[in-house]
């Protein structure tokens, strides 16, 4: 509680250095503007709004709920040619394909998820599950992620997320697949299912819970206000496997978590979040029972709404380090 120590992160098979005594250090660094600029509900030149035009010439429908369209500047394309493999093991190249979509969460630009109604958030969850099933039939990995607010790198304040489906397992997915597979082979239970049961019993790092879901600050958290969203009361590998009651509970707990974030800092809290679930596509024929569906939330705030956290120096060159212990913020 008072001195530096290491904490093991079983999801990445690495360690986090926790140095709680450093919280006594005064801050003399950069201070960010904590307040959102005034955002209009609708803008004629905003390509995410209903009835507006993209740079590609595509016109959005007059949508009333969620709206999904192909990314005009995709990171991945389905028809990319295969590159040369390379002539040396230190200079390898591999072919990659995929699709990138943008999903508007609501027609109004001045809303964020915690300001939406429960029914509107439920519609977001249902669309996520629909896309997971659709793209997962072909692609091994589908990454749903949301970047919220400009400080985290979001270029448009309109509430939206992105969906990137790829022909390969990204690095984090491959790592989580390996560690969860190893854990189940040694302990005969999915790692995150057991972790959720432990958190539900201990309650030391528990933030909010309902009948189906837990939200916790991970014991090994690297970011000061990082959250890990779990389904502890049933073994679920994919979003599309959730029954309607579990989806509704998910919408409810997301709303509570994000309201807590905003209320705690008294601003619209920036974050990057994303879902991790079992690989699909060609992996559907494999035993992926070691996986447990979960989502990560990473707000970049260090200790207040005006002080941001960046991965630099020791964290880039050696290992993750944080000054706040997870139990101090849960």
Foldseek 3Di string as FASTA:
>chain_A
DAAWDWDADLLQRDIAIAGQPCVVPDDDDFWADLADDDDFFDDQDDQLAAQHADPVRDGHHNDAAKDKDFDPDDPFAAPDDFDDQDDDPVDGDGDKHWTKMKMQLGNTLRDELLRDDLVSLLVVLVVQLVVCVVLLQAAQDKKKKFWADPVSPDPGSGYMIMIIGMNDQDPSLVSSLVSLVVVCVVPVAQPVLVVVVVCVVVVLFWDDDDPFKTKGQDQRHQAQPKIKIFGRPDADFGSNVDDSVNSSRVSVVVSVVQVCVCVVQVHNFTWMKIKHGGTGRVCVPPPSSSTGIMMMIHGQAQPHSTHGHDQDDCCVVPNGYHNDRSSVPD
